[in-house]
N, C-alpha and C. Protein backbone atom coordinates (compact mmCIF):
# COMPACT_ATOMS: atom_id res chain seq x y z
N MET A 1 9.94 -0.61 -16.10
CA MET A 1 10.37 -0.14 -14.80
C MET A 1 10.43 1.38 -14.77
N ARG A 2 10.29 1.93 -13.56
CA ARG A 2 10.43 3.37 -13.39
C ARG A 2 11.20 3.65 -12.10
N ILE A 3 11.91 4.77 -12.08
CA ILE A 3 12.67 5.18 -10.90
C ILE A 3 12.18 6.55 -10.45
N GLY A 4 12.03 6.73 -9.15
CA GLY A 4 11.63 8.02 -8.60
C GLY A 4 12.60 8.48 -7.53
N TYR A 5 12.82 9.80 -7.48
CA TYR A 5 13.72 10.38 -6.47
C TYR A 5 12.95 11.40 -5.65
N GLY A 6 13.12 11.35 -4.33
CA GLY A 6 12.47 12.31 -3.45
C GLY A 6 13.44 12.92 -2.46
N PHE A 7 13.24 14.19 -2.16
CA PHE A 7 14.09 14.89 -1.18
C PHE A 7 13.21 15.77 -0.31
N ASP A 8 13.58 15.87 0.97
CA ASP A 8 12.89 16.79 1.87
C ASP A 8 13.83 17.17 3.01
N SER A 9 13.56 18.31 3.63
CA SER A 9 14.35 18.75 4.78
C SER A 9 13.46 19.53 5.74
N HIS A 10 13.78 19.42 7.02
CA HIS A 10 13.06 20.16 8.06
C HIS A 10 14.03 20.60 9.14
N GLU A 11 13.67 21.66 9.81
CA GLU A 11 14.51 22.19 10.88
C GLU A 11 14.05 21.66 12.23
N PHE A 12 15.00 21.38 13.09
CA PHE A 12 14.68 20.93 14.44
C PHE A 12 14.16 22.10 15.27
N THR A 13 13.13 21.82 16.08
CA THR A 13 12.53 22.83 16.96
C THR A 13 12.27 22.23 18.33
N PRO A 14 12.69 22.88 19.41
CA PRO A 14 12.46 22.34 20.76
C PRO A 14 10.97 22.21 21.06
N GLY A 15 10.63 21.16 21.81
CA GLY A 15 9.26 20.96 22.25
C GLY A 15 8.33 20.34 21.23
N VAL A 16 8.88 19.96 20.06
CA VAL A 16 8.07 19.33 19.01
C VAL A 16 8.38 17.84 19.01
N PRO A 17 7.35 16.96 18.95
CA PRO A 17 7.61 15.51 18.89
C PRO A 17 8.42 15.15 17.65
N LEU A 18 9.34 14.21 17.79
CA LEU A 18 10.16 13.79 16.66
C LEU A 18 9.62 12.49 16.07
N LYS A 19 9.32 12.55 14.78
CA LYS A 19 8.82 11.38 14.07
C LYS A 19 9.60 11.23 12.78
N ILE A 20 10.21 10.06 12.60
CA ILE A 20 10.97 9.78 11.38
C ILE A 20 10.61 8.40 10.87
N GLY A 21 10.21 8.33 9.60
CA GLY A 21 9.84 7.05 9.01
C GLY A 21 8.63 6.42 9.67
N GLY A 22 7.75 7.25 10.22
CA GLY A 22 6.54 6.75 10.86
C GLY A 22 6.74 6.26 12.27
N ILE A 23 7.95 6.48 12.83
CA ILE A 23 8.27 6.01 14.18
C ILE A 23 8.52 7.19 15.11
N ASP A 24 7.92 7.17 16.29
CA ASP A 24 8.17 8.19 17.30
C ASP A 24 9.52 7.92 17.96
N ILE A 25 10.36 8.95 18.01
CA ILE A 25 11.70 8.83 18.59
C ILE A 25 11.83 9.82 19.74
N ALA A 26 12.26 9.33 20.89
CA ALA A 26 12.41 10.19 22.06
C ALA A 26 13.49 11.23 21.81
N SER A 27 13.14 12.51 21.96
CA SER A 27 14.08 13.60 21.73
C SER A 27 13.53 14.88 22.34
N ASP A 28 14.42 15.80 22.72
CA ASP A 28 13.96 17.07 23.29
C ASP A 28 13.57 18.07 22.21
N LYS A 29 13.75 17.69 20.94
CA LYS A 29 13.33 18.55 19.84
C LYS A 29 12.92 17.68 18.65
N GLY A 30 11.97 18.20 17.89
CA GLY A 30 11.47 17.46 16.74
C GLY A 30 11.58 18.30 15.48
N LEU A 31 11.02 17.79 14.39
CA LEU A 31 11.11 18.47 13.10
C LEU A 31 9.86 19.28 12.83
N ALA A 32 10.05 20.58 12.67
CA ALA A 32 8.92 21.47 12.44
C ALA A 32 8.38 21.28 11.03
N GLY A 33 7.07 21.35 10.91
CA GLY A 33 6.43 21.22 9.60
C GLY A 33 4.95 21.41 9.76
N HIS A 34 4.26 21.60 8.65
CA HIS A 34 2.81 21.80 8.72
C HIS A 34 2.12 20.53 9.19
N SER A 35 2.64 19.37 8.75
CA SER A 35 2.09 18.09 9.20
C SER A 35 2.89 17.65 10.43
N ASP A 36 3.23 16.36 10.50
CA ASP A 36 4.02 15.88 11.64
C ASP A 36 5.53 16.04 11.42
N GLY A 37 5.92 16.64 10.29
CA GLY A 37 7.33 16.92 10.03
C GLY A 37 8.17 15.70 9.71
N ASP A 38 7.54 14.60 9.32
CA ASP A 38 8.29 13.37 9.05
C ASP A 38 9.04 13.49 7.73
N VAL A 39 10.29 13.91 7.83
CA VAL A 39 11.11 14.21 6.65
C VAL A 39 11.29 13.00 5.75
N LEU A 40 11.40 11.81 6.33
CA LEU A 40 11.63 10.60 5.53
C LEU A 40 10.38 10.21 4.74
N LEU A 41 9.23 10.20 5.39
CA LEU A 41 8.00 9.83 4.67
C LEU A 41 7.63 10.86 3.62
N HIS A 42 7.98 12.12 3.86
CA HIS A 42 7.72 13.14 2.85
C HIS A 42 8.56 12.88 1.60
N ALA A 43 9.82 12.51 1.80
CA ALA A 43 10.68 12.21 0.66
C ALA A 43 10.22 10.95 -0.06
N VAL A 44 9.75 9.95 0.69
CA VAL A 44 9.22 8.73 0.09
C VAL A 44 8.01 9.06 -0.78
N THR A 45 7.13 9.91 -0.25
CA THR A 45 5.92 10.30 -0.99
C THR A 45 6.29 10.96 -2.32
N ASP A 46 7.23 11.90 -2.28
CA ASP A 46 7.63 12.57 -3.51
C ASP A 46 8.32 11.62 -4.49
N ALA A 47 9.09 10.68 -3.97
CA ALA A 47 9.75 9.71 -4.86
C ALA A 47 8.71 8.85 -5.59
N LEU A 48 7.70 8.40 -4.87
CA LEU A 48 6.65 7.58 -5.47
C LEU A 48 5.87 8.37 -6.52
N LEU A 49 5.47 9.58 -6.16
CA LEU A 49 4.70 10.41 -7.10
C LEU A 49 5.54 10.77 -8.32
N GLY A 50 6.81 11.07 -8.09
CA GLY A 50 7.69 11.44 -9.20
C GLY A 50 7.91 10.28 -10.16
N ALA A 51 7.95 9.07 -9.65
CA ALA A 51 8.20 7.90 -10.49
C ALA A 51 7.11 7.70 -11.53
N VAL A 52 5.89 8.11 -11.21
CA VAL A 52 4.78 7.95 -12.16
C VAL A 52 4.30 9.31 -12.70
N ALA A 53 5.16 10.33 -12.52
CA ALA A 53 4.86 11.67 -13.03
C ALA A 53 3.49 12.16 -12.57
N ALA A 54 3.22 11.98 -11.27
CA ALA A 54 1.91 12.35 -10.72
C ALA A 54 1.98 13.58 -9.83
N GLY A 55 2.95 14.46 -10.08
CA GLY A 55 3.04 15.68 -9.29
C GLY A 55 3.91 15.50 -8.06
N ASP A 56 3.63 16.34 -7.03
CA ASP A 56 4.41 16.24 -5.80
C ASP A 56 3.50 16.33 -4.59
N ILE A 57 4.08 16.18 -3.44
CA ILE A 57 3.31 16.11 -2.19
C ILE A 57 2.49 17.37 -1.95
N GLY A 58 3.03 18.53 -2.33
CA GLY A 58 2.32 19.78 -2.12
C GLY A 58 1.06 19.91 -2.94
N GLY A 59 1.01 19.22 -4.09
CA GLY A 59 -0.18 19.27 -4.92
C GLY A 59 -1.36 18.51 -4.33
N TYR A 60 -1.06 17.51 -3.50
CA TYR A 60 -2.10 16.70 -2.87
C TYR A 60 -2.42 17.18 -1.45
N PHE A 61 -1.38 17.64 -0.76
CA PHE A 61 -1.54 18.04 0.63
C PHE A 61 -0.88 19.40 0.86
N PRO A 62 -1.48 20.46 0.33
CA PRO A 62 -0.85 21.79 0.41
C PRO A 62 -0.72 22.28 1.85
N PRO A 63 0.44 22.85 2.21
CA PRO A 63 0.63 23.36 3.57
C PRO A 63 -0.28 24.53 3.91
N SER A 64 -0.89 25.12 2.89
CA SER A 64 -1.82 26.22 3.13
C SER A 64 -3.18 25.73 3.63
N ASP A 65 -3.43 24.43 3.52
CA ASP A 65 -4.71 23.85 3.93
C ASP A 65 -4.63 23.41 5.39
N PRO A 66 -5.42 24.04 6.27
CA PRO A 66 -5.39 23.70 7.70
C PRO A 66 -5.80 22.25 7.97
N LYS A 67 -6.43 21.61 6.97
CA LYS A 67 -6.85 20.22 7.13
C LYS A 67 -5.67 19.31 7.43
N TRP A 68 -4.49 19.67 6.91
CA TRP A 68 -3.32 18.81 7.06
C TRP A 68 -2.40 19.24 8.19
N LYS A 69 -2.84 20.20 9.00
CA LYS A 69 -2.03 20.63 10.13
C LYS A 69 -1.85 19.48 11.12
N GLY A 70 -0.60 19.10 11.36
CA GLY A 70 -0.31 18.01 12.30
C GLY A 70 -0.67 16.63 11.79
N ALA A 71 -0.97 16.50 10.49
CA ALA A 71 -1.41 15.21 9.94
C ALA A 71 -0.32 14.16 9.99
N ASP A 72 -0.72 12.91 10.13
CA ASP A 72 0.20 11.77 10.09
C ASP A 72 0.67 11.59 8.65
N SER A 73 1.97 11.62 8.44
CA SER A 73 2.52 11.53 7.08
C SER A 73 2.28 10.18 6.43
N ALA A 74 1.85 9.18 7.21
CA ALA A 74 1.50 7.89 6.63
C ALA A 74 0.36 8.06 5.62
N ILE A 75 -0.50 9.05 5.85
CA ILE A 75 -1.60 9.35 4.93
C ILE A 75 -1.05 9.73 3.55
N PHE A 76 0.04 10.49 3.56
CA PHE A 76 0.64 10.95 2.30
C PHE A 76 1.23 9.77 1.52
N VAL A 77 1.90 8.89 2.24
CA VAL A 77 2.50 7.72 1.58
C VAL A 77 1.42 6.83 0.97
N ARG A 78 0.35 6.61 1.73
CA ARG A 78 -0.74 5.75 1.22
C ARG A 78 -1.34 6.31 -0.06
N GLU A 79 -1.52 7.63 -0.12
CA GLU A 79 -2.06 8.25 -1.33
C GLU A 79 -1.10 8.08 -2.49
N ALA A 80 0.20 8.24 -2.23
CA ALA A 80 1.19 8.07 -3.29
C ALA A 80 1.22 6.63 -3.80
N VAL A 81 1.08 5.67 -2.90
CA VAL A 81 1.03 4.26 -3.30
C VAL A 81 -0.19 4.00 -4.19
N GLN A 82 -1.31 4.63 -3.85
CA GLN A 82 -2.51 4.49 -4.68
C GLN A 82 -2.27 5.04 -6.08
N GLN A 83 -1.58 6.18 -6.17
CA GLN A 83 -1.28 6.75 -7.49
C GLN A 83 -0.37 5.82 -8.30
N VAL A 84 0.57 5.19 -7.62
CA VAL A 84 1.47 4.24 -8.28
C VAL A 84 0.66 3.06 -8.83
N ARG A 85 -0.26 2.54 -8.03
CA ARG A 85 -1.06 1.40 -8.46
C ARG A 85 -2.00 1.76 -9.60
N ARG A 86 -2.58 2.96 -9.54
CA ARG A 86 -3.46 3.41 -10.63
C ARG A 86 -2.71 3.52 -11.94
N ALA A 87 -1.43 3.84 -11.85
CA ALA A 87 -0.61 3.96 -13.07
C ALA A 87 -0.14 2.59 -13.58
N GLY A 88 -0.48 1.53 -12.84
CA GLY A 88 -0.14 0.19 -13.30
C GLY A 88 1.20 -0.33 -12.81
N TYR A 89 1.69 0.25 -11.72
CA TYR A 89 3.00 -0.17 -11.21
C TYR A 89 2.90 -0.66 -9.76
N ALA A 90 3.97 -1.33 -9.33
CA ALA A 90 4.10 -1.80 -7.96
C ALA A 90 5.49 -1.43 -7.46
N VAL A 91 5.61 -1.20 -6.16
CA VAL A 91 6.91 -0.84 -5.57
C VAL A 91 7.80 -2.08 -5.51
N ALA A 92 8.99 -1.97 -6.07
CA ALA A 92 9.94 -3.08 -6.03
C ALA A 92 10.87 -2.95 -4.83
N ASN A 93 11.47 -1.77 -4.67
CA ASN A 93 12.33 -1.55 -3.49
C ASN A 93 12.53 -0.06 -3.26
N VAL A 94 13.01 0.27 -2.07
CA VAL A 94 13.24 1.65 -1.66
C VAL A 94 14.61 1.75 -1.00
N ASP A 95 15.38 2.76 -1.40
CA ASP A 95 16.67 3.03 -0.77
C ASP A 95 16.64 4.46 -0.27
N SER A 96 16.97 4.67 1.01
CA SER A 96 16.89 6.01 1.58
C SER A 96 18.12 6.34 2.42
N THR A 97 18.43 7.63 2.47
CA THR A 97 19.53 8.12 3.30
C THR A 97 19.06 9.35 4.07
N LEU A 98 19.20 9.30 5.38
CA LEU A 98 18.90 10.43 6.25
C LEU A 98 20.20 11.17 6.55
N VAL A 99 20.15 12.49 6.56
CA VAL A 99 21.32 13.30 6.91
C VAL A 99 20.94 14.17 8.10
N LEU A 100 21.52 13.89 9.26
CA LEU A 100 21.22 14.65 10.47
C LEU A 100 22.32 14.43 11.51
N GLN A 101 22.49 15.43 12.37
CA GLN A 101 23.53 15.35 13.39
C GLN A 101 23.14 14.39 14.51
N SER A 102 21.89 14.48 14.93
CA SER A 102 21.36 13.62 15.99
C SER A 102 19.83 13.64 15.90
N PRO A 103 19.17 12.62 16.48
CA PRO A 103 19.71 11.48 17.22
C PRO A 103 20.28 10.41 16.29
N LYS A 104 20.91 9.42 16.87
CA LYS A 104 21.43 8.30 16.11
C LYS A 104 20.26 7.48 15.56
N ILE A 105 20.30 7.16 14.29
CA ILE A 105 19.22 6.42 13.65
C ILE A 105 19.39 4.91 13.78
N GLY A 106 20.64 4.46 13.95
CA GLY A 106 20.92 3.03 14.03
C GLY A 106 19.99 2.24 14.92
N PRO A 107 19.76 2.67 16.18
CA PRO A 107 18.88 1.92 17.08
C PRO A 107 17.42 1.85 16.63
N HIS A 108 17.04 2.74 15.72
CA HIS A 108 15.65 2.81 15.28
C HIS A 108 15.46 2.32 13.84
N ALA A 109 16.56 1.98 13.17
CA ALA A 109 16.51 1.66 11.74
C ALA A 109 15.58 0.50 11.41
N THR A 110 15.63 -0.56 12.20
CA THR A 110 14.78 -1.73 11.90
C THR A 110 13.31 -1.40 12.04
N ALA A 111 12.96 -0.65 13.09
CA ALA A 111 11.56 -0.25 13.29
C ALA A 111 11.09 0.65 12.16
N ILE A 112 11.95 1.57 11.72
CA ILE A 112 11.61 2.46 10.61
C ILE A 112 11.41 1.67 9.33
N ARG A 113 12.32 0.74 9.06
CA ARG A 113 12.21 -0.09 7.86
C ARG A 113 10.90 -0.90 7.87
N ALA A 114 10.56 -1.45 9.03
CA ALA A 114 9.35 -2.26 9.15
C ALA A 114 8.11 -1.42 8.89
N ARG A 115 8.09 -0.21 9.43
CA ARG A 115 6.93 0.67 9.22
C ARG A 115 6.81 1.08 7.76
N MET A 116 7.93 1.41 7.13
CA MET A 116 7.90 1.78 5.72
C MET A 116 7.47 0.61 4.85
N ALA A 117 7.96 -0.59 5.16
CA ALA A 117 7.56 -1.78 4.41
C ALA A 117 6.05 -2.00 4.52
N GLU A 118 5.52 -1.77 5.72
CA GLU A 118 4.08 -1.93 5.93
C GLU A 118 3.29 -0.94 5.09
N LEU A 119 3.71 0.31 5.09
CA LEU A 119 3.01 1.35 4.34
C LEU A 119 3.08 1.12 2.83
N LEU A 120 4.21 0.58 2.38
CA LEU A 120 4.41 0.37 0.94
C LEU A 120 3.90 -0.98 0.46
N GLY A 121 3.59 -1.87 1.41
CA GLY A 121 3.08 -3.19 1.04
C GLY A 121 4.14 -4.09 0.44
N ILE A 122 5.38 -3.97 0.93
CA ILE A 122 6.47 -4.80 0.43
C ILE A 122 7.20 -5.46 1.58
N GLU A 123 8.12 -6.37 1.26
CA GLU A 123 8.86 -7.08 2.29
C GLU A 123 9.92 -6.17 2.93
N LEU A 124 10.26 -6.47 4.17
CA LEU A 124 11.27 -5.70 4.90
C LEU A 124 12.60 -5.68 4.15
N SER A 125 12.93 -6.79 3.50
CA SER A 125 14.20 -6.89 2.78
C SER A 125 14.30 -5.94 1.59
N ARG A 126 13.19 -5.31 1.22
CA ARG A 126 13.18 -4.39 0.08
C ARG A 126 13.27 -2.93 0.50
N VAL A 127 13.47 -2.69 1.79
CA VAL A 127 13.54 -1.32 2.30
C VAL A 127 14.90 -1.08 2.95
N SER A 128 15.60 -0.07 2.50
CA SER A 128 16.91 0.29 3.06
C SER A 128 16.83 1.67 3.70
N VAL A 129 17.35 1.79 4.92
CA VAL A 129 17.42 3.08 5.62
C VAL A 129 18.84 3.27 6.13
N LYS A 130 19.50 4.32 5.66
CA LYS A 130 20.85 4.63 6.09
C LYS A 130 20.86 6.03 6.70
N ALA A 131 21.89 6.34 7.46
CA ALA A 131 22.00 7.68 8.05
C ALA A 131 23.43 8.17 7.98
N LYS A 132 23.58 9.47 7.73
CA LYS A 132 24.88 10.13 7.67
C LYS A 132 24.81 11.42 8.49
N THR A 133 25.97 11.85 9.00
CA THR A 133 26.03 13.14 9.67
C THR A 133 26.38 14.20 8.62
N PRO A 134 25.92 15.45 8.82
CA PRO A 134 26.13 16.50 7.82
C PRO A 134 27.50 17.16 7.91
N GLU A 135 28.54 16.36 7.81
CA GLU A 135 29.90 16.90 7.93
C GLU A 135 30.19 17.89 6.80
N GLY A 136 30.66 19.06 7.19
CA GLY A 136 31.04 20.08 6.22
C GLY A 136 29.87 20.84 5.62
N LEU A 137 28.65 20.52 6.00
CA LEU A 137 27.48 21.19 5.42
C LEU A 137 26.99 22.36 6.27
N ASN A 138 27.49 22.45 7.51
CA ASN A 138 27.08 23.52 8.42
C ASN A 138 25.57 23.56 8.62
N LEU A 139 24.99 22.35 8.81
CA LEU A 139 23.54 22.24 9.02
C LEU A 139 23.26 21.39 10.27
N PRO A 140 23.75 21.82 11.42
CA PRO A 140 23.60 21.00 12.63
C PRO A 140 22.17 20.91 13.14
N ASN A 141 21.32 21.84 12.70
CA ASN A 141 19.96 21.88 13.23
C ASN A 141 18.91 21.47 12.19
N THR A 142 19.37 20.75 11.17
CA THR A 142 18.46 20.35 10.08
C THR A 142 18.57 18.85 9.82
N ALA A 143 17.46 18.26 9.45
CA ALA A 143 17.43 16.87 9.00
C ALA A 143 16.93 16.84 7.56
N SER A 144 17.60 16.08 6.73
CA SER A 144 17.14 15.93 5.35
C SER A 144 17.10 14.46 4.98
N ALA A 145 16.32 14.15 3.96
CA ALA A 145 16.17 12.77 3.52
C ALA A 145 16.23 12.69 2.00
N HIS A 146 16.98 11.71 1.51
CA HIS A 146 17.07 11.41 0.08
C HIS A 146 16.52 10.00 -0.13
N VAL A 147 15.62 9.85 -1.07
CA VAL A 147 14.96 8.55 -1.29
C VAL A 147 14.90 8.23 -2.78
N ILE A 148 15.23 6.99 -3.10
CA ILE A 148 15.06 6.48 -4.47
C ILE A 148 14.15 5.25 -4.41
N VAL A 149 13.15 5.22 -5.30
CA VAL A 149 12.26 4.06 -5.37
C VAL A 149 12.34 3.45 -6.77
N LEU A 150 12.22 2.14 -6.81
CA LEU A 150 12.15 1.42 -8.08
C LEU A 150 10.76 0.81 -8.20
N LEU A 151 10.10 1.06 -9.33
CA LEU A 151 8.77 0.50 -9.58
C LEU A 151 8.84 -0.50 -10.72
N THR A 152 8.02 -1.53 -10.64
CA THR A 152 7.88 -2.47 -11.75
C THR A 152 6.42 -2.48 -12.18
N GLU A 153 6.19 -2.79 -13.45
CA GLU A 153 4.81 -2.92 -13.92
C GLU A 153 4.17 -4.12 -13.25
N HIS A 154 2.86 -4.09 -13.06
CA HIS A 154 2.16 -5.20 -12.41
C HIS A 154 2.45 -6.51 -13.14
N ARG A 155 2.56 -6.45 -14.47
CA ARG A 155 2.84 -7.65 -15.26
C ARG A 155 4.20 -8.23 -14.88
N GLU A 156 5.19 -7.33 -14.71
CA GLU A 156 6.53 -7.77 -14.34
C GLU A 156 6.53 -8.40 -12.96
N ALA A 157 5.75 -7.80 -12.05
CA ALA A 157 5.67 -8.33 -10.69
C ALA A 157 5.08 -9.73 -10.70
N GLY A 158 4.07 -9.94 -11.59
CA GLY A 158 3.46 -11.26 -11.70
C GLY A 158 4.42 -12.29 -12.25
N GLU A 159 5.23 -11.87 -13.23
CA GLU A 159 6.22 -12.78 -13.80
C GLU A 159 7.28 -13.17 -12.78
N LEU A 160 7.69 -12.20 -11.95
CA LEU A 160 8.67 -12.49 -10.91
C LEU A 160 8.11 -13.49 -9.89
N ALA A 161 6.82 -13.29 -9.56
CA ALA A 161 6.18 -14.20 -8.61
C ALA A 161 6.09 -15.61 -9.20
N MET A 162 5.80 -15.70 -10.51
CA MET A 162 5.70 -16.99 -11.18
C MET A 162 7.05 -17.70 -11.19
N LYS A 163 8.12 -16.95 -11.46
CA LYS A 163 9.45 -17.54 -11.46
C LYS A 163 9.82 -18.04 -10.07
N ALA A 164 9.43 -17.27 -9.05
CA ALA A 164 9.71 -17.68 -7.67
C ALA A 164 8.97 -18.96 -7.34
N ALA A 165 7.72 -19.05 -7.82
CA ALA A 165 6.93 -20.25 -7.56
C ALA A 165 7.52 -21.47 -8.27
N GLU A 166 8.02 -21.27 -9.50
CA GLU A 166 8.60 -22.37 -10.27
C GLU A 166 9.87 -22.91 -9.62
N SER A 167 10.60 -22.03 -8.92
CA SER A 167 11.85 -22.45 -8.29
C SER A 167 11.63 -23.02 -6.88
N MET A 168 10.37 -23.02 -6.43
CA MET A 168 10.07 -23.51 -5.09
C MET A 168 10.21 -25.03 -5.03
N PRO A 169 10.84 -25.56 -3.98
CA PRO A 169 10.99 -27.02 -3.85
C PRO A 169 9.64 -27.73 -3.85
N GLN A 170 9.59 -28.94 -4.45
CA GLN A 170 8.34 -29.68 -4.54
C GLN A 170 7.76 -29.98 -3.17
N SER A 171 8.62 -30.18 -2.17
CA SER A 171 8.13 -30.49 -0.82
C SER A 171 7.32 -29.33 -0.25
N VAL A 172 7.76 -28.10 -0.57
CA VAL A 172 7.02 -26.92 -0.11
C VAL A 172 5.68 -26.82 -0.81
N VAL A 173 5.67 -27.08 -2.13
CA VAL A 173 4.42 -27.06 -2.89
C VAL A 173 3.45 -28.10 -2.34
N ASP A 174 3.94 -29.32 -2.08
CA ASP A 174 3.08 -30.38 -1.55
C ASP A 174 2.49 -29.99 -0.20
N ALA A 175 3.29 -29.34 0.64
CA ALA A 175 2.81 -28.91 1.95
C ALA A 175 1.69 -27.89 1.81
N GLU A 176 1.84 -26.96 0.84
CA GLU A 176 0.80 -25.95 0.60
C GLU A 176 -0.49 -26.61 0.12
N VAL A 177 -0.35 -27.59 -0.78
CA VAL A 177 -1.52 -28.30 -1.30
C VAL A 177 -2.24 -29.03 -0.16
N GLU A 178 -1.49 -29.64 0.72
CA GLU A 178 -2.08 -30.36 1.85
C GLU A 178 -2.88 -29.42 2.74
N GLN A 179 -2.36 -28.20 2.94
CA GLN A 179 -3.09 -27.23 3.76
C GLN A 179 -4.42 -26.87 3.12
N VAL A 180 -4.39 -26.68 1.79
CA VAL A 180 -5.64 -26.36 1.07
C VAL A 180 -6.64 -27.50 1.21
N LEU A 181 -6.15 -28.74 1.07
CA LEU A 181 -7.03 -29.90 1.18
C LEU A 181 -7.63 -30.02 2.58
N GLU A 182 -6.85 -29.73 3.58
CA GLU A 182 -7.34 -29.80 4.96
C GLU A 182 -8.48 -28.81 5.17
N LYS A 183 -8.34 -27.61 4.57
CA LYS A 183 -9.36 -26.58 4.73
C LYS A 183 -10.59 -26.86 3.88
N SER A 184 -10.39 -27.56 2.76
CA SER A 184 -11.49 -27.76 1.81
C SER A 184 -12.36 -28.98 2.12
N GLY A 185 -11.91 -29.82 3.02
CA GLY A 185 -12.72 -30.97 3.41
C GLY A 185 -12.35 -32.25 2.68
N PRO A 186 -12.90 -33.37 3.13
CA PRO A 186 -12.54 -34.69 2.59
C PRO A 186 -12.97 -34.91 1.14
N GLU A 187 -14.02 -34.22 0.68
CA GLU A 187 -14.52 -34.45 -0.67
C GLU A 187 -13.48 -34.09 -1.71
N LEU A 188 -12.82 -32.90 -1.52
CA LEU A 188 -11.80 -32.48 -2.47
C LEU A 188 -10.59 -33.42 -2.42
N ARG A 189 -10.25 -33.90 -1.22
CA ARG A 189 -9.13 -34.82 -1.07
C ARG A 189 -9.43 -36.12 -1.81
N LYS A 190 -10.70 -36.59 -1.74
CA LYS A 190 -11.09 -37.82 -2.39
C LYS A 190 -10.95 -37.70 -3.91
N ARG A 191 -11.34 -36.51 -4.44
CA ARG A 191 -11.23 -36.29 -5.88
C ARG A 191 -9.77 -36.28 -6.33
N ARG A 192 -8.89 -35.73 -5.50
CA ARG A 192 -7.49 -35.64 -5.87
C ARG A 192 -6.81 -37.00 -5.87
N THR A 193 -7.21 -37.86 -4.94
CA THR A 193 -6.53 -39.16 -4.79
C THR A 193 -7.19 -40.28 -5.60
N ALA A 194 -8.43 -40.03 -6.10
CA ALA A 194 -9.13 -41.06 -6.85
C ALA A 194 -8.41 -41.36 -8.16
N PRO A 195 -8.29 -42.64 -8.55
CA PRO A 195 -7.62 -42.98 -9.83
C PRO A 195 -8.41 -42.48 -11.02
N ARG A 196 -7.71 -41.99 -12.01
CA ARG A 196 -8.37 -41.47 -13.20
C ARG A 196 -8.79 -42.62 -14.12
N LYS A 197 -9.95 -42.45 -14.74
CA LYS A 197 -10.45 -43.46 -15.69
C LYS A 197 -9.73 -43.33 -17.02
N LYS A 198 -9.37 -44.47 -17.57
CA LYS A 198 -8.72 -44.45 -18.88
C LYS A 198 -9.75 -44.23 -19.96
N SER A 199 -9.39 -43.41 -20.93
CA SER A 199 -10.34 -43.12 -22.02
C SER A 199 -10.22 -44.18 -23.10
């Protein structure tokens, strides 16, 4: 297993679209940045890259390169996921905390979690998004994100899947087999139900 930590922060600027966790949020000001300013996805990207010691987001998408001006940060996450897979790992779960005065993240949390789960290729139940206000930090015009990711080796992921399959009720297994037989045609069904010859 490996653990990665990512952090990012951006300043709010009037007239800029607000995007957090890959979701557009209605607001009179957004997060300034060379790309789309998505503070959460930037932190996710760094957490993934850090977990496999593959550098940081700036090494892949330097802000000095006009190619990435206004880019969708989902591109950054996808590249980081590829680096994780090349290193032989898979994402197990993600825990994140946003720190900002406004807007309220609660109404958007499920949509953000769903988008992050989609980008990471994991179940919704493996993605956590929390939000806090910056009390005592004197940062009313800034949003920051802290992200921790847990990775498992592909072998470990396969073992977990095998254990899950072994614990599956027989009725569920039988239903899955029936679906396969329906798709495969009567010939395969005949072979399965035919009595075996004694040797």
